[in-house]
N, C-alpha and C. Protein backbone atom coordinates (compact mmCIF):
# COMPACT_ATOMS: atom_id res chain seq x y z
N UNK A 1 0.83 -1.19 0.00
CA UNK A 1 0.00 0.00 0.00
C UNK A 1 0.88 1.26 0.00
N UNK A 2 1.94 1.24 0.81
CA UNK A 2 2.84 2.40 0.84
C UNK A 2 3.54 2.57 -0.50
N UNK A 3 3.91 1.48 -1.12
CA UNK A 3 4.55 1.54 -2.44
C UNK A 3 3.61 2.18 -3.46
N UNK A 4 2.34 1.80 -3.45
CA UNK A 4 1.36 2.41 -4.35
C UNK A 4 1.21 3.90 -4.07
N UNK A 5 1.18 4.24 -2.82
CA UNK A 5 1.03 5.64 -2.42
C UNK A 5 2.20 6.47 -2.93
N UNK A 6 3.39 5.94 -2.74
CA UNK A 6 4.61 6.68 -3.02
C UNK A 6 5.02 6.65 -4.49
N UNK A 7 4.93 5.50 -5.12
CA UNK A 7 5.47 5.34 -6.48
C UNK A 7 4.42 5.22 -7.57
N UNK A 8 3.18 4.94 -7.20
CA UNK A 8 2.11 4.89 -8.20
C UNK A 8 1.17 6.07 -8.02
N UNK A 9 1.55 6.97 -7.07
CA UNK A 9 0.88 8.25 -6.87
C UNK A 9 -0.61 8.11 -6.55
N UNK A 10 -0.94 7.12 -5.74
CA UNK A 10 -2.33 6.85 -5.38
C UNK A 10 -2.70 7.69 -4.16
N UNK A 11 -3.00 8.96 -4.41
CA UNK A 11 -3.29 9.89 -3.31
C UNK A 11 -4.59 9.56 -2.58
N UNK A 12 -5.45 8.81 -3.22
CA UNK A 12 -6.71 8.47 -2.55
C UNK A 12 -6.48 7.55 -1.35
N UNK A 13 -5.24 7.11 -1.15
CA UNK A 13 -4.91 6.32 0.03
C UNK A 13 -4.70 7.20 1.27
N UNK A 14 -4.64 8.52 1.09
CA UNK A 14 -4.41 9.41 2.23
C UNK A 14 -5.44 9.19 3.34
N UNK A 15 -6.75 9.08 3.05
CA UNK A 15 -7.71 8.83 4.15
C UNK A 15 -7.46 7.50 4.85
N UNK A 16 -6.97 6.50 4.12
CA UNK A 16 -6.66 5.21 4.73
C UNK A 16 -5.52 5.40 5.73
N UNK A 17 -4.46 6.12 5.31
CA UNK A 17 -3.34 6.40 6.22
C UNK A 17 -3.83 7.18 7.43
N UNK A 18 -4.73 8.12 7.20
CA UNK A 18 -5.25 8.92 8.31
C UNK A 18 -5.94 8.03 9.34
N UNK A 19 -6.75 7.12 8.88
CA UNK A 19 -7.45 6.22 9.81
C UNK A 19 -6.45 5.32 10.54
N UNK A 20 -5.49 4.75 9.81
CA UNK A 20 -4.52 3.86 10.43
C UNK A 20 -3.65 4.58 11.45
N UNK A 21 -3.17 5.77 11.10
CA UNK A 21 -2.31 6.52 12.01
C UNK A 21 -3.10 7.00 13.22
N UNK A 22 -4.30 7.50 12.98
CA UNK A 22 -5.14 7.98 14.08
C UNK A 22 -5.43 6.85 15.06
N UNK A 23 -5.88 5.72 14.55
CA UNK A 23 -6.17 4.58 15.40
C UNK A 23 -4.92 4.10 16.13
N UNK A 24 -3.84 3.99 15.40
CA UNK A 24 -2.59 3.52 15.99
C UNK A 24 -2.11 4.40 17.13
N UNK A 25 -2.16 5.71 16.92
CA UNK A 25 -1.68 6.62 17.96
C UNK A 25 -2.66 6.73 19.12
N UNK A 26 -3.94 6.90 18.83
CA UNK A 26 -4.91 7.10 19.90
C UNK A 26 -5.12 5.85 20.74
N UNK A 27 -5.12 4.68 20.10
CA UNK A 27 -5.42 3.46 20.85
C UNK A 27 -4.18 2.77 21.40
N UNK A 28 -3.06 2.84 20.68
CA UNK A 28 -1.89 2.07 21.07
C UNK A 28 -0.72 2.92 21.58
N UNK A 29 -0.72 4.20 21.25
CA UNK A 29 0.38 5.07 21.68
C UNK A 29 -0.10 6.44 22.16
N UNK A 30 -1.08 6.48 23.04
CA UNK A 30 -1.55 7.79 23.52
C UNK A 30 -0.46 8.55 24.26
N UNK A 31 0.52 7.81 24.80
CA UNK A 31 1.65 8.45 25.48
C UNK A 31 2.46 9.32 24.52
N UNK A 32 2.58 8.90 23.26
CA UNK A 32 3.27 9.73 22.26
C UNK A 32 2.51 11.02 22.01
N UNK A 33 1.21 10.91 21.85
CA UNK A 33 0.40 12.11 21.63
C UNK A 33 0.54 13.08 22.80
N UNK A 34 0.48 12.56 24.03
CA UNK A 34 0.63 13.42 25.21
C UNK A 34 2.01 14.07 25.23
N UNK A 35 3.04 13.29 24.93
CA UNK A 35 4.40 13.83 24.91
C UNK A 35 4.51 14.96 23.88
N UNK A 36 4.02 14.72 22.67
CA UNK A 36 4.10 15.75 21.63
C UNK A 36 3.37 17.02 22.05
N UNK A 37 2.24 16.86 22.73
CA UNK A 37 1.47 18.03 23.17
C UNK A 37 2.16 18.73 24.34
N UNK A 38 2.59 17.97 25.32
CA UNK A 38 3.21 18.57 26.51
C UNK A 38 4.54 19.24 26.18
N UNK A 39 5.29 18.66 25.27
CA UNK A 39 6.60 19.21 24.90
C UNK A 39 6.51 20.25 23.78
N UNK A 40 5.30 20.58 23.37
CA UNK A 40 5.06 21.59 22.34
C UNK A 40 5.90 21.33 21.09
N UNK A 41 5.80 20.10 20.63
CA UNK A 41 6.56 19.65 19.46
C UNK A 41 6.02 20.29 18.19
N UNK A 42 6.93 20.69 17.32
CA UNK A 42 6.58 21.18 15.99
C UNK A 42 6.83 20.06 14.99
N UNK A 43 5.85 19.80 14.14
CA UNK A 43 5.92 18.72 13.16
C UNK A 43 6.61 19.22 11.90
N UNK A 44 7.64 18.49 11.45
CA UNK A 44 8.42 18.88 10.27
C UNK A 44 8.48 17.70 9.30
N UNK A 45 7.86 17.83 8.11
CA UNK A 45 7.96 16.74 7.14
C UNK A 45 9.35 16.71 6.49
N UNK A 46 9.81 15.52 6.17
CA UNK A 46 11.05 15.39 5.40
C UNK A 46 10.75 15.92 4.00
N UNK A 47 11.57 16.86 3.52
CA UNK A 47 11.27 17.48 2.23
C UNK A 47 11.66 16.61 1.05
N UNK A 48 10.98 16.85 -0.06
CA UNK A 48 11.35 16.28 -1.36
C UNK A 48 12.03 17.37 -2.17
N UNK A 49 12.91 16.98 -3.06
CA UNK A 49 13.46 17.95 -4.01
C UNK A 49 12.30 18.40 -4.91
N UNK A 50 12.28 19.67 -5.32
CA UNK A 50 11.16 20.17 -6.13
C UNK A 50 10.88 19.33 -7.39
N UNK A 51 11.91 18.83 -8.04
CA UNK A 51 11.66 18.03 -9.25
C UNK A 51 10.99 16.70 -8.91
N UNK A 52 11.36 16.12 -7.78
CA UNK A 52 10.72 14.87 -7.36
C UNK A 52 9.28 15.14 -6.92
N UNK A 53 9.06 16.28 -6.30
CA UNK A 53 7.69 16.67 -5.90
C UNK A 53 6.81 16.86 -7.13
N UNK A 54 7.34 17.50 -8.17
CA UNK A 54 6.59 17.68 -9.41
C UNK A 54 6.30 16.33 -10.07
N UNK A 55 7.27 15.45 -10.06
CA UNK A 55 7.11 14.13 -10.66
C UNK A 55 6.02 13.33 -9.95
N UNK A 56 6.04 13.37 -8.61
CA UNK A 56 5.08 12.59 -7.82
C UNK A 56 3.75 13.32 -7.69
N UNK A 57 3.77 14.64 -7.68
CA UNK A 57 2.55 15.41 -7.52
C UNK A 57 2.23 15.77 -6.08
N UNK A 58 2.96 15.20 -5.15
CA UNK A 58 2.76 15.50 -3.73
C UNK A 58 3.97 14.96 -2.97
N UNK A 59 4.11 15.43 -1.73
CA UNK A 59 5.15 14.92 -0.84
C UNK A 59 4.46 14.02 0.17
N UNK A 60 4.70 12.72 0.07
CA UNK A 60 4.03 11.77 0.95
C UNK A 60 4.37 12.03 2.41
N UNK A 61 5.58 12.47 2.71
CA UNK A 61 5.95 12.78 4.09
C UNK A 61 5.12 13.96 4.62
N UNK A 62 4.90 14.94 3.78
CA UNK A 62 4.10 16.09 4.21
C UNK A 62 2.64 15.68 4.45
N UNK A 63 2.11 14.81 3.61
CA UNK A 63 0.74 14.33 3.81
C UNK A 63 0.62 13.59 5.15
N UNK A 64 1.61 12.77 5.46
CA UNK A 64 1.60 12.05 6.74
C UNK A 64 1.79 13.03 7.91
N UNK A 65 2.64 14.03 7.72
CA UNK A 65 2.86 15.04 8.75
C UNK A 65 1.59 15.83 9.04
N UNK A 66 0.80 16.11 8.00
CA UNK A 66 -0.47 16.80 8.20
C UNK A 66 -1.40 15.98 9.09
N UNK A 67 -1.42 14.68 8.86
CA UNK A 67 -2.26 13.80 9.67
C UNK A 67 -1.81 13.86 11.13
N UNK A 68 -0.52 13.75 11.36
CA UNK A 68 0.00 13.77 12.73
C UNK A 68 -0.24 15.13 13.38
N UNK A 69 -0.12 16.19 12.60
CA UNK A 69 -0.39 17.53 13.11
C UNK A 69 -1.85 17.65 13.57
N UNK A 70 -2.77 17.13 12.78
CA UNK A 70 -4.19 17.18 13.14
C UNK A 70 -4.48 16.37 14.40
N UNK A 71 -3.94 15.16 14.45
CA UNK A 71 -4.20 14.27 15.59
C UNK A 71 -3.61 14.86 16.87
N UNK A 72 -2.39 15.35 16.78
CA UNK A 72 -1.68 15.83 17.98
C UNK A 72 -2.01 17.28 18.31
N UNK A 73 -2.67 17.97 17.39
CA UNK A 73 -2.97 19.38 17.55
C UNK A 73 -1.70 20.20 17.75
N UNK A 74 -0.66 19.81 17.01
CA UNK A 74 0.62 20.52 17.03
C UNK A 74 0.85 21.10 15.64
N UNK A 75 1.54 22.24 15.55
CA UNK A 75 1.72 22.88 14.25
C UNK A 75 2.65 22.12 13.31
N UNK A 76 2.35 22.22 12.05
CA UNK A 76 3.20 21.66 11.00
C UNK A 76 3.97 22.82 10.37
N UNK A 77 5.27 22.67 10.27
CA UNK A 77 6.09 23.69 9.62
C UNK A 77 7.06 23.02 8.66
N UNK A 78 6.92 23.28 7.36
CA UNK A 78 7.88 22.74 6.39
C UNK A 78 9.16 23.57 6.43
N UNK A 79 9.95 23.36 7.46
CA UNK A 79 11.15 24.18 7.71
C UNK A 79 12.31 23.88 6.78
N UNK A 80 12.35 22.68 6.22
CA UNK A 80 13.52 22.25 5.46
C UNK A 80 13.20 22.07 3.99
N UNK A 81 14.24 22.19 3.17
CA UNK A 81 14.14 21.93 1.74
C UNK A 81 15.36 21.13 1.30
N UNK A 82 15.29 20.58 0.11
CA UNK A 82 16.41 19.81 -0.45
C UNK A 82 17.24 20.71 -1.35
N UNK A 83 18.55 20.64 -1.18
CA UNK A 83 19.47 21.42 -2.01
C UNK A 83 19.64 20.83 -3.40
N UNK A 84 19.75 19.52 -3.48
CA UNK A 84 19.97 18.89 -4.78
C UNK A 84 19.22 17.57 -4.83
N UNK A 85 19.06 17.07 -6.03
CA UNK A 85 18.33 15.82 -6.24
C UNK A 85 19.26 14.65 -5.96
N UNK A 86 19.02 13.99 -4.83
CA UNK A 86 19.82 12.83 -4.45
C UNK A 86 19.29 11.59 -5.17
N UNK A 87 20.11 10.57 -5.21
CA UNK A 87 19.65 9.28 -5.73
C UNK A 87 18.60 8.72 -4.78
N UNK A 88 17.68 7.92 -5.31
CA UNK A 88 16.65 7.29 -4.47
C UNK A 88 17.32 6.43 -3.41
N UNK A 89 17.03 6.70 -2.15
CA UNK A 89 17.61 5.94 -1.04
C UNK A 89 17.22 4.46 -1.12
N UNK A 90 16.02 4.18 -1.58
CA UNK A 90 15.52 2.80 -1.60
C UNK A 90 16.38 1.88 -2.47
N UNK A 91 17.11 2.45 -3.42
CA UNK A 91 17.90 1.64 -4.34
C UNK A 91 19.36 1.51 -3.92
N UNK A 92 19.69 2.01 -2.72
CA UNK A 92 21.08 2.04 -2.27
C UNK A 92 21.29 1.12 -1.07
N UNK A 93 22.52 0.64 -0.92
CA UNK A 93 22.85 -0.12 0.29
C UNK A 93 23.16 0.86 1.42
N UNK A 94 23.42 0.33 2.61
CA UNK A 94 23.60 1.17 3.80
C UNK A 94 24.74 2.17 3.63
N UNK A 95 25.87 1.74 3.10
CA UNK A 95 27.01 2.64 2.92
C UNK A 95 26.69 3.73 1.89
N UNK A 96 26.06 3.35 0.80
CA UNK A 96 25.70 4.33 -0.22
C UNK A 96 24.68 5.33 0.32
N UNK A 97 23.75 4.87 1.14
CA UNK A 97 22.76 5.77 1.73
C UNK A 97 23.45 6.82 2.61
N UNK A 98 24.41 6.35 3.38
CA UNK A 98 25.14 7.24 4.27
C UNK A 98 25.88 8.32 3.50
N UNK A 99 26.43 7.97 2.36
CA UNK A 99 27.16 8.93 1.53
C UNK A 99 26.23 9.81 0.70
N UNK A 100 25.04 9.33 0.43
CA UNK A 100 24.10 10.02 -0.44
C UNK A 100 23.44 11.22 0.25
N UNK A 101 23.14 11.09 1.52
CA UNK A 101 22.43 12.13 2.27
C UNK A 101 23.31 12.62 3.41
N UNK A 102 23.51 13.93 3.49
CA UNK A 102 24.26 14.56 4.57
C UNK A 102 23.50 15.80 5.00
N UNK A 103 23.87 16.44 6.11
CA UNK A 103 23.21 17.69 6.47
C UNK A 103 23.28 18.73 5.34
N UNK A 104 24.34 18.66 4.51
CA UNK A 104 24.47 19.60 3.39
C UNK A 104 23.44 19.35 2.30
N UNK A 105 22.75 18.21 2.34
CA UNK A 105 21.71 17.89 1.36
C UNK A 105 20.47 18.76 1.56
N UNK A 106 20.37 19.38 2.74
CA UNK A 106 19.18 20.14 3.11
C UNK A 106 19.51 21.59 3.41
N UNK A 107 18.50 22.43 3.38
CA UNK A 107 18.63 23.81 3.87
C UNK A 107 17.42 24.10 4.74
N UNK A 108 17.58 25.08 5.62
CA UNK A 108 16.47 25.50 6.47
C UNK A 108 15.93 26.83 5.99
N UNK A 109 14.64 26.96 6.05
CA UNK A 109 13.98 28.22 5.65
C UNK A 109 14.03 29.24 6.79
N UNK A 110 14.46 28.79 7.95
CA UNK A 110 14.53 29.64 9.15
C UNK A 110 15.86 29.30 9.82
N UNK A 111 16.69 30.28 10.04
CA UNK A 111 18.03 30.01 10.55
C UNK A 111 18.13 29.89 12.06
N UNK A 112 17.21 30.48 12.79
CA UNK A 112 17.22 30.39 14.25
C UNK A 112 16.02 29.58 14.69
N UNK A 113 16.28 28.48 15.38
CA UNK A 113 15.22 27.61 15.87
C UNK A 113 15.30 27.49 17.38
N UNK A 114 14.19 27.12 17.97
CA UNK A 114 14.17 26.74 19.38
C UNK A 114 13.01 25.78 19.56
N UNK A 115 13.08 25.02 20.61
CA UNK A 115 12.00 24.09 20.88
C UNK A 115 12.29 22.68 20.43
N UNK A 116 11.22 21.88 20.38
CA UNK A 116 11.30 20.46 20.07
C UNK A 116 10.62 20.18 18.74
N UNK A 117 11.16 19.23 18.01
CA UNK A 117 10.68 18.96 16.66
C UNK A 117 10.46 17.47 16.46
N UNK A 118 9.50 17.14 15.60
CA UNK A 118 9.24 15.77 15.19
C UNK A 118 9.35 15.71 13.68
N UNK A 119 10.36 15.00 13.20
CA UNK A 119 10.53 14.79 11.76
C UNK A 119 9.61 13.65 11.34
N UNK A 120 8.96 13.80 10.20
CA UNK A 120 8.03 12.78 9.71
C UNK A 120 8.42 12.36 8.30
N UNK A 121 8.52 11.05 8.10
CA UNK A 121 8.77 10.48 6.78
C UNK A 121 7.95 9.19 6.68
N UNK A 122 7.92 8.63 5.48
CA UNK A 122 7.15 7.41 5.30
C UNK A 122 7.93 6.18 5.75
N UNK A 123 9.21 6.12 5.43
CA UNK A 123 10.02 4.92 5.70
C UNK A 123 11.35 5.34 6.30
N UNK A 124 11.83 4.56 7.26
CA UNK A 124 13.19 4.72 7.78
C UNK A 124 13.86 3.35 7.67
N UNK A 125 15.04 3.34 7.07
CA UNK A 125 15.79 2.09 6.94
C UNK A 125 17.07 2.19 7.75
N UNK A 126 17.98 3.04 7.33
CA UNK A 126 19.23 3.21 8.06
C UNK A 126 19.19 4.42 8.99
N UNK A 127 18.21 5.29 8.81
CA UNK A 127 18.12 6.50 9.62
C UNK A 127 18.96 7.65 9.11
N UNK A 128 19.58 7.48 7.95
CA UNK A 128 20.48 8.51 7.41
C UNK A 128 19.77 9.84 7.18
N UNK A 129 18.60 9.80 6.58
CA UNK A 129 17.86 11.05 6.31
C UNK A 129 17.47 11.73 7.61
N UNK A 130 16.92 10.97 8.55
CA UNK A 130 16.53 11.54 9.84
C UNK A 130 17.74 12.12 10.56
N UNK A 131 18.85 11.40 10.57
CA UNK A 131 20.06 11.89 11.26
C UNK A 131 20.55 13.19 10.64
N UNK A 132 20.59 13.24 9.31
CA UNK A 132 21.07 14.45 8.63
C UNK A 132 20.19 15.65 8.96
N UNK A 133 18.88 15.47 8.88
CA UNK A 133 17.97 16.58 9.20
C UNK A 133 18.01 16.95 10.67
N UNK A 134 18.06 15.96 11.55
CA UNK A 134 18.13 16.24 12.98
C UNK A 134 19.39 17.03 13.31
N UNK A 135 20.52 16.64 12.74
CA UNK A 135 21.76 17.37 12.97
C UNK A 135 21.66 18.82 12.50
N UNK A 136 21.02 19.03 11.36
CA UNK A 136 20.86 20.39 10.85
C UNK A 136 19.96 21.22 11.77
N UNK A 137 18.84 20.63 12.21
CA UNK A 137 17.94 21.34 13.13
C UNK A 137 18.65 21.69 14.44
N UNK A 138 19.40 20.74 14.98
CA UNK A 138 20.12 20.98 16.23
C UNK A 138 21.20 22.04 16.05
N UNK A 139 21.86 22.02 14.93
CA UNK A 139 22.89 23.04 14.64
C UNK A 139 22.30 24.45 14.66
N UNK A 140 21.01 24.55 14.34
CA UNK A 140 20.35 25.85 14.28
C UNK A 140 19.47 26.14 15.49
N UNK A 141 19.65 25.36 16.58
CA UNK A 141 19.02 25.71 17.83
C UNK A 141 17.95 24.79 18.37
N UNK A 142 17.57 23.74 17.65
CA UNK A 142 16.54 22.83 18.16
C UNK A 142 17.01 22.18 19.46
N UNK A 143 16.11 22.06 20.41
CA UNK A 143 16.44 21.40 21.68
C UNK A 143 16.46 19.88 21.51
N UNK A 144 15.34 19.33 21.09
CA UNK A 144 15.19 17.89 20.88
C UNK A 144 14.57 17.64 19.52
N UNK A 145 15.03 16.58 18.87
CA UNK A 145 14.45 16.18 17.58
C UNK A 145 14.15 14.69 17.65
N UNK A 146 12.90 14.36 17.41
CA UNK A 146 12.46 12.96 17.34
C UNK A 146 12.01 12.67 15.92
N UNK A 147 11.75 11.40 15.63
CA UNK A 147 11.37 11.01 14.28
C UNK A 147 10.18 10.05 14.32
N UNK A 148 9.36 10.13 13.26
CA UNK A 148 8.21 9.24 13.10
C UNK A 148 8.21 8.76 11.65
N UNK A 149 8.07 7.45 11.47
CA UNK A 149 7.93 6.87 10.14
C UNK A 149 6.92 5.72 10.22
N UNK A 150 6.27 5.46 9.10
CA UNK A 150 5.31 4.36 9.07
C UNK A 150 6.00 3.01 9.11
N UNK A 151 7.08 2.89 8.37
CA UNK A 151 7.80 1.62 8.29
C UNK A 151 9.24 1.82 8.69
N UNK A 152 9.77 0.86 9.38
CA UNK A 152 11.16 0.94 9.79
C UNK A 152 11.85 -0.39 9.71
């Protein structure tokens, strides 16, 4: 289902993800929702390069981040962007993934940050993308950075 959503551009699956994420968080992880609310977490989707966004027609991470923002009643801020078009992480081994994505792969739309952040993506395998973005956010003042993905 995630493959269809991401690579076959089946956006009508968004309500399905909304139901699954809402049920999963409210029934099985209410402690996460409380933590995000109490710590005043800001939701940040993992960005796509503009050309990949045009190709896909949407950013699946942003769609998932919107769902989490609604459920948690925390703001969504697309703080980061991609500097260049990286190779698809899914087609790389662990070492190649590590070399493919670095903090330099991203830029921030806001140079001074404070507070706590939750990065949202669809899949985490090696954690390279999350680590690179978390390091960039922390370099610019973030206190704590956590991550959420559907598949790991």
